[in-house]
Amino acid sequence: MAAAAGIDGTQATARQLLDLPGFAQEFLRRNPRYRAEHRALAILPAGHAPPAREVMARRWGLSFPL
């Protein structure tokens, strides 16, 4: 089945080993909308970045332990 989807055995096995946060990270890493938003945040001046990051985190359902 993996071969039919164009995925070699190594990639399929690597994905099966991911825990839920790892899978979510891979999803976001490959998502063009998330990547564009992340790039836009990277160029913001330092004073604007923290509030914008919080908004982005909420929009994408991200949470980070304190």
PDB file of N, CA and C in Angstrom:
ATOM      1  N   MET A   1       0.817  -1.188   0.000  1.00  0.00           N
ATOM      2  CA  MET A   1       0.000   0.000   0.000  1.00  0.00           C
ATOM      3  C   MET A   1       0.862   1.253   0.000  1.00  0.00           C
ATOM      4  N   ALA A   2       1.938   1.283   0.784  1.00  0.00           N
ATOM      5  CA  ALA A   2       2.821   2.445   0.815  1.00  0.00           C
ATOM      6  C   ALA A   2       3.445   2.680  -0.556  1.00  0.00           C
ATOM      7  N   ALA A   3       3.826   1.604  -1.243  1.00  0.00           N
ATOM      8  CA  ALA A   3       4.435   1.760  -2.555  1.00  0.00           C
ATOM      9  C   ALA A   3       3.437   2.355  -3.546  1.00  0.00           C
ATOM     10  N   ALA A   4       2.171   1.981  -3.417  1.00  0.00           N
ATOM     11  CA  ALA A   4       1.145   2.509  -4.311  1.00  0.00           C
ATOM     12  C   ALA A   4       0.961   4.008  -4.102  1.00  0.00           C
ATOM     13  N   ALA A   5       1.202   4.482  -2.904  1.00  0.00           N
ATOM     14  CA  ALA A   5       1.046   5.912  -2.608  1.00  0.00           C
ATOM     15  C   ALA A   5       2.316   6.691  -2.955  1.00  0.00           C
ATOM     16  N   GLY A   6       3.344   6.024  -3.458  1.00  0.00           N
ATOM     17  CA  GLY A   6       4.577   6.699  -3.832  1.00  0.00           C
ATOM     18  C   GLY A   6       5.518   6.930  -2.670  1.00  0.00           C
ATOM     19  N   ILE A   7       5.386   6.161  -1.621  1.00  0.00           N
ATOM     20  CA  ILE A   7       6.238   6.313  -0.435  1.00  0.00           C
ATOM     21  C   ILE A   7       7.102   5.069  -0.328  1.00  0.00           C
ATOM     22  N   ASP A   8       8.414   5.286  -0.210  1.00  0.00           N
ATOM     23  CA  ASP A   8       9.269   4.106  -0.052  1.00  0.00           C
ATOM     24  C   ASP A   8       9.141   3.567   1.367  1.00  0.00           C
ATOM     25  N   GLY A   9       9.619   2.374   1.602  1.00  0.00           N
ATOM     26  CA  GLY A   9       9.487   1.713   2.895  1.00  0.00           C
ATOM     27  C   GLY A   9      10.126   2.481   4.032  1.00  0.00           C
ATOM     28  N   THR A  10      11.224   3.173   3.769  1.00  0.00           N
ATOM     29  CA  THR A  10      11.909   3.927   4.817  1.00  0.00           C
ATOM     30  C   THR A  10      11.043   5.074   5.317  1.00  0.00           C
ATOM     31  N   GLN A  11      10.440   5.826   4.415  1.00  0.00           N
ATOM     32  CA  GLN A  11       9.581   6.946   4.812  1.00  0.00           C
ATOM     33  C   GLN A  11       8.349   6.449   5.555  1.00  0.00           C
ATOM     34  N   ALA A  12       7.751   5.373   5.077  1.00  0.00           N
ATOM     35  CA  ALA A  12       6.564   4.839   5.736  1.00  0.00           C
ATOM     36  C   ALA A  12       6.909   4.378   7.139  1.00  0.00           C
ATOM     37  N   THR A  13       8.030   3.714   7.313  1.00  0.00           N
ATOM     38  CA  THR A  13       8.449   3.239   8.632  1.00  0.00           C
ATOM     39  C   THR A  13       8.735   4.412   9.562  1.00  0.00           C
ATOM     40  N   ALA A  14       9.400   5.438   9.059  1.00  0.00           N
ATOM     41  CA  ALA A  14       9.712   6.606   9.881  1.00  0.00           C
ATOM     42  C   ALA A  14       8.440   7.268  10.376  1.00  0.00           C
ATOM     43  N   ARG A  15       7.429   7.361   9.520  1.00  0.00           N
ATOM     44  CA  ARG A  15       6.170   7.976   9.938  1.00  0.00           C
ATOM     45  C   ARG A  15       5.454   7.137  10.978  1.00  0.00           C
ATOM     46  N   GLN A  16       5.550   5.839  10.870  1.00  0.00           N
ATOM     47  CA  GLN A  16       4.899   4.961  11.843  1.00  0.00           C
ATOM     48  C   GLN A  16       5.533   5.095  13.216  1.00  0.00           C
ATOM     49  N   LEU A  17       6.784   5.516  13.297  1.00  0.00           N
ATOM     50  CA  LEU A  17       7.483   5.651  14.569  1.00  0.00           C
ATOM     51  C   LEU A  17       7.200   6.974  15.275  1.00  0.00           C
ATOM     52  N   LEU A  18       6.549   7.908  14.594  1.00  0.00           N
ATOM     53  CA  LEU A  18       6.285   9.212  15.196  1.00  0.00           C
ATOM     54  C   LEU A  18       5.202   9.123  16.262  1.00  0.00           C
ATOM     55  N   ASP A  19       5.422   9.845  17.361  1.00  0.00           N
ATOM     56  CA  ASP A  19       4.356   9.992  18.338  1.00  0.00           C
ATOM     57  C   ASP A  19       3.437  11.109  17.844  1.00  0.00           C
ATOM     58  N   LEU A  20       2.375  11.400  18.570  1.00  0.00           N
ATOM     59  CA  LEU A  20       1.404  12.391  18.122  1.00  0.00           C
ATOM     60  C   LEU A  20       2.023  13.779  17.928  1.00  0.00           C
ATOM     61  N   PRO A  21       2.829  14.297  18.882  1.00  0.00           N
ATOM     62  CA  PRO A  21       3.461  15.599  18.634  1.00  0.00           C
ATOM     63  C   PRO A  21       4.408  15.579  17.428  1.00  0.00           C
ATOM     64  N   GLY A  22       5.106  14.483  17.232  1.00  0.00           N
ATOM     65  CA  GLY A  22       6.006  14.363  16.089  1.00  0.00           C
ATOM     66  C   GLY A  22       5.243  14.372  14.773  1.00  0.00           C
ATOM     67  N   PHE A  23       4.113  13.682  14.746  1.00  0.00           N
ATOM     68  CA  PHE A  23       3.286  13.668  13.549  1.00  0.00           C
ATOM     69  C   PHE A  23       2.748  15.069  13.266  1.00  0.00           C
ATOM     70  N   ALA A  24       2.304  15.768  14.327  1.00  0.00           N
ATOM     71  CA  ALA A  24       1.787  17.130  14.158  1.00  0.00           C
ATOM     72  C   ALA A  24       2.879  18.053  13.623  1.00  0.00           C
ATOM     73  N   GLN A  25       4.090  17.903  14.137  1.00  0.00           N
ATOM     74  CA  GLN A  25       5.200  18.729  13.672  1.00  0.00           C
ATOM     75  C   GLN A  25       5.468  18.474  12.188  1.00  0.00           C
ATOM     76  N   GLU A  26       5.446  17.230  11.777  1.00  0.00           N
ATOM     77  CA  GLU A  26       5.668  16.909  10.368  1.00  0.00           C
ATOM     78  C   GLU A  26       4.557  17.481   9.502  1.00  0.00           C
ATOM     79  N   PHE A  27       3.319  17.418   9.984  1.00  0.00           N
ATOM     80  CA  PHE A  27       2.199  17.984   9.231  1.00  0.00           C
ATOM     81  C   PHE A  27       2.410  19.479   9.020  1.00  0.00           C
ATOM     82  N   LEU A  28       2.728  20.197  10.099  1.00  0.00           N
ATOM     83  CA  LEU A  28       2.923  21.642   9.992  1.00  0.00           C
ATOM     84  C   LEU A  28       4.136  21.981   9.134  1.00  0.00           C
ATOM     85  N   ARG A  29       5.189  21.222   9.291  1.00  0.00           N
ATOM     86  CA  ARG A  29       6.411  21.478   8.532  1.00  0.00           C
ATOM     87  C   ARG A  29       6.154  21.395   7.023  1.00  0.00           C
ATOM     88  N   ARG A  30       5.217  20.573   6.630  1.00  0.00           N
ATOM     89  CA  ARG A  30       4.922  20.383   5.208  1.00  0.00           C
ATOM     90  C   ARG A  30       3.746  21.225   4.715  1.00  0.00           C
ATOM     91  N   ASN A  31       3.072  21.928   5.615  1.00  0.00           N
ATOM     92  CA  ASN A  31       1.883  22.699   5.262  1.00  0.00           C
ATOM     93  C   ASN A  31       2.297  24.069   4.706  1.00  0.00           C
ATOM     94  N   PRO A  32       1.966  24.366   3.450  1.00  0.00           N
ATOM     95  CA  PRO A  32       2.401  25.623   2.845  1.00  0.00           C
ATOM     96  C   PRO A  32       1.857  26.868   3.560  1.00  0.00           C
ATOM     97  N   ARG A  33       0.637  26.828   4.038  1.00  0.00           N
ATOM     98  CA  ARG A  33       0.071  27.992   4.734  1.00  0.00           C
ATOM     99  C   ARG A  33       0.804  28.245   6.047  1.00  0.00           C
ATOM    100  N   TYR A  34       1.077  27.179   6.793  1.00  0.00           N
ATOM    101  CA  TYR A  34       1.820  27.334   8.049  1.00  0.00           C
ATOM    102  C   TYR A  34       3.221  27.876   7.781  1.00  0.00           C
ATOM    103  N   ARG A  35       3.878  27.329   6.774  1.00  0.00           N
ATOM    104  CA  ARG A  35       5.240  27.760   6.455  1.00  0.00           C
ATOM    105  C   ARG A  35       5.281  29.234   6.066  1.00  0.00           C
ATOM    106  N   ALA A  36       4.298  29.681   5.281  1.00  0.00           N
ATOM    107  CA  ALA A  36       4.251  31.088   4.872  1.00  0.00           C
ATOM    108  C   ALA A  36       4.031  31.986   6.087  1.00  0.00           C
ATOM    109  N   GLU A  37       3.142  31.580   6.982  1.00  0.00           N
ATOM    110  CA  GLU A  37       2.892  32.370   8.179  1.00  0.00           C
ATOM    111  C   GLU A  37       4.129  32.411   9.079  1.00  0.00           C
ATOM    112  N   HIS A  38       4.812  31.294   9.191  1.00  0.00           N
ATOM    113  CA  HIS A  38       6.033  31.235  10.004  1.00  0.00           C
ATOM    114  C   HIS A  38       7.112  32.146   9.427  1.00  0.00           C
ATOM    115  N   ARG A  39       7.275  32.130   8.110  1.00  0.00           N
ATOM    116  CA  ARG A  39       8.259  33.013   7.455  1.00  0.00           C
ATOM    117  C   ARG A  39       7.916  34.480   7.707  1.00  0.00           C
ATOM    118  N   ALA A  40       6.622  34.819   7.636  1.00  0.00           N
ATOM    119  CA  ALA A  40       6.202  36.207   7.860  1.00  0.00           C
ATOM    120  C   ALA A  40       6.528  36.646   9.290  1.00  0.00           C
ATOM    121  N   LEU A  41       6.379  35.750  10.252  1.00  0.00           N
ATOM    122  CA  LEU A  41       6.705  36.078  11.644  1.00  0.00           C
ATOM    123  C   LEU A  41       8.203  36.274  11.839  1.00  0.00           C
ATOM    124  N   ALA A  42       8.995  35.539  11.106  1.00  0.00           N
ATOM    125  CA  ALA A  42      10.448  35.591  11.283  1.00  0.00           C
ATOM    126  C   ALA A  42      11.030  36.953  10.923  1.00  0.00           C
ATOM    127  N   ILE A  43      10.341  37.719  10.092  1.00  0.00           N
ATOM    128  CA  ILE A  43      10.885  39.012   9.678  1.00  0.00           C
ATOM    129  C   ILE A  43      10.301  40.189  10.464  1.00  0.00           C
ATOM    130  N   LEU A  44       9.396  39.916  11.399  1.00  0.00           N
ATOM    131  CA  LEU A  44       8.820  40.995  12.209  1.00  0.00           C
ATOM    132  C   LEU A  44       9.848  41.581  13.165  1.00  0.00           C
ATOM    133  N   PRO A  45       9.743  42.881  13.461  1.00  0.00           N
ATOM    134  CA  PRO A  45      10.614  43.469  14.482  1.00  0.00           C
ATOM    135  C   PRO A  45      10.367  42.790  15.832  1.00  0.00           C
ATOM    136  N   ALA A  46      11.385  42.773  16.672  1.00  0.00           N
ATOM    137  CA  ALA A  46      11.331  42.041  17.944  1.00  0.00           C
ATOM    138  C   ALA A  46      10.127  42.411  18.801  1.00  0.00           C
ATOM    139  N   GLY A  47       9.738  43.676  18.861  1.00  0.00           N
ATOM    140  CA  GLY A  47       8.618  44.090  19.698  1.00  0.00           C
ATOM    141  C   GLY A  47       7.274  43.568  19.235  1.00  0.00           C
ATOM    142  N   HIS A  48       7.156  43.251  17.963  1.00  0.00           N
ATOM    143  CA  HIS A  48       5.886  42.772  17.410  1.00  0.00           C
ATOM    144  C   HIS A  48       5.787  41.258  17.401  1.00  0.00           C
ATOM    145  N   ALA A  49       6.908  40.586  17.464  1.00  0.00           N
ATOM    146  CA  ALA A  49       6.921  39.136  17.300  1.00  0.00           C
ATOM    147  C   ALA A  49       6.183  38.376  18.400  1.00  0.00           C
ATOM    148  N   PRO A  50       6.396  38.655  19.703  1.00  0.00           N
ATOM    149  CA  PRO A  50       5.714  37.828  20.719  1.00  0.00           C
ATOM    150  C   PRO A  50       4.188  37.820  20.605  1.00  0.00           C
ATOM    151  N   PRO A  51       3.503  38.973  20.484  1.00  0.00           N
ATOM    152  CA  PRO A  51       2.046  38.907  20.354  1.00  0.00           C
ATOM    153  C   PRO A  51       1.615  38.189  19.068  1.00  0.00           C
ATOM    154  N   ALA A  52       2.330  38.418  17.982  1.00  0.00           N
ATOM    155  CA  ALA A  52       1.988  37.757  16.719  1.00  0.00           C
ATOM    156  C   ALA A  52       2.200  36.254  16.822  1.00  0.00           C
ATOM    157  N   ARG A  53       3.236  35.837  17.522  1.00  0.00           N
ATOM    158  CA  ARG A  53       3.481  34.397  17.707  1.00  0.00           C
ATOM    159  C   ARG A  53       2.357  33.749  18.508  1.00  0.00           C
ATOM    160  N   GLU A  54       1.868  34.455  19.524  1.00  0.00           N
ATOM    161  CA  GLU A  54       0.767  33.914  20.320  1.00  0.00           C
ATOM    162  C   GLU A  54      -0.492  33.738  19.476  1.00  0.00           C
ATOM    163  N   VAL A  55      -0.773  34.719  18.636  1.00  0.00           N
ATOM    164  CA  VAL A  55      -1.941  34.631  17.750  1.00  0.00           C
ATOM    165  C   VAL A  55      -1.778  33.442  16.799  1.00  0.00           C
ATOM    166  N   MET A  56      -0.590  33.316  16.217  1.00  0.00           N
ATOM    167  CA  MET A  56      -0.337  32.203  15.302  1.00  0.00           C
ATOM    168  C   MET A  56      -0.457  30.859  16.027  1.00  0.00           C
ATOM    169  N   ALA A  57       0.100  30.776  17.214  1.00  0.00           N
ATOM    170  CA  ALA A  57       0.040  29.526  17.979  1.00  0.00           C
ATOM    171  C   ALA A  57      -1.405  29.127  18.247  1.00  0.00           C
ATOM    172  N   ARG A  58      -2.235  30.080  18.623  1.00  0.00           N
ATOM    173  CA  ARG A  58      -3.650  29.759  18.867  1.00  0.00           C
ATOM    174  C   ARG A  58      -4.334  29.312  17.582  1.00  0.00           C
ATOM    175  N   ARG A  59      -4.056  30.008  16.491  1.00  0.00           N
ATOM    176  CA  ARG A  59      -4.696  29.682  15.217  1.00  0.00           C
ATOM    177  C   ARG A  59      -4.375  28.254  14.771  1.00  0.00           C
ATOM    178  N   TRP A  60      -3.133  27.813  15.023  1.00  0.00           N
ATOM    179  CA  TRP A  60      -2.710  26.480  14.600  1.00  0.00           C
ATOM    180  C   TRP A  60      -2.871  25.429  15.688  1.00  0.00           C
ATOM    181  N   GLY A  61      -3.392  25.812  16.850  1.00  0.00           N
ATOM    182  CA  GLY A  61      -3.625  24.848  17.915  1.00  0.00           C
ATOM    183  C   GLY A  61      -2.359  24.413  18.624  1.00  0.00           C
ATOM    184  N   LEU A  62      -1.356  25.303  18.648  1.00  0.00           N
ATOM    185  CA  LEU A  62      -0.086  24.958  19.278  1.00  0.00           C
ATOM    186  C   LEU A  62      -0.098  25.352  20.756  1.00  0.00           C
ATOM    187  N   SER A  63       0.549  24.548  21.565  1.00  0.00           N
ATOM    188  CA  SER A  63       0.734  24.909  22.967  1.00  0.00           C
ATOM    189  C   SER A  63       2.101  24.416  23.396  1.00  0.00           C
ATOM    190  N   PHE A  64       2.708  25.157  24.304  1.00  0.00           N
ATOM    191  CA  PHE A  64       4.048  24.833  24.744  1.00  0.00           C
ATOM    192  C   PHE A  64       4.085  24.806  26.258  1.00  0.00           C
ATOM    193  N   PRO A  65       4.685  23.793  26.844  1.00  0.00           N
ATOM    194  CA  PRO A  65       4.787  23.743  28.315  1.00  0.00           C
ATOM    195  C   PRO A  65       5.678  24.872  28.815  1.00  0.00           C
ATOM    196  N   LEU A  66       5.313  25.409  29.965  1.00  0.00           N
ATOM    197  CA  LEU A  66       6.125  26.481  30.569  1.00  0.00           C
ATOM    198  C   LEU A  66       7.187  25.921  31.457  1.00  0.00           C
TER     199      LEU A  66
END
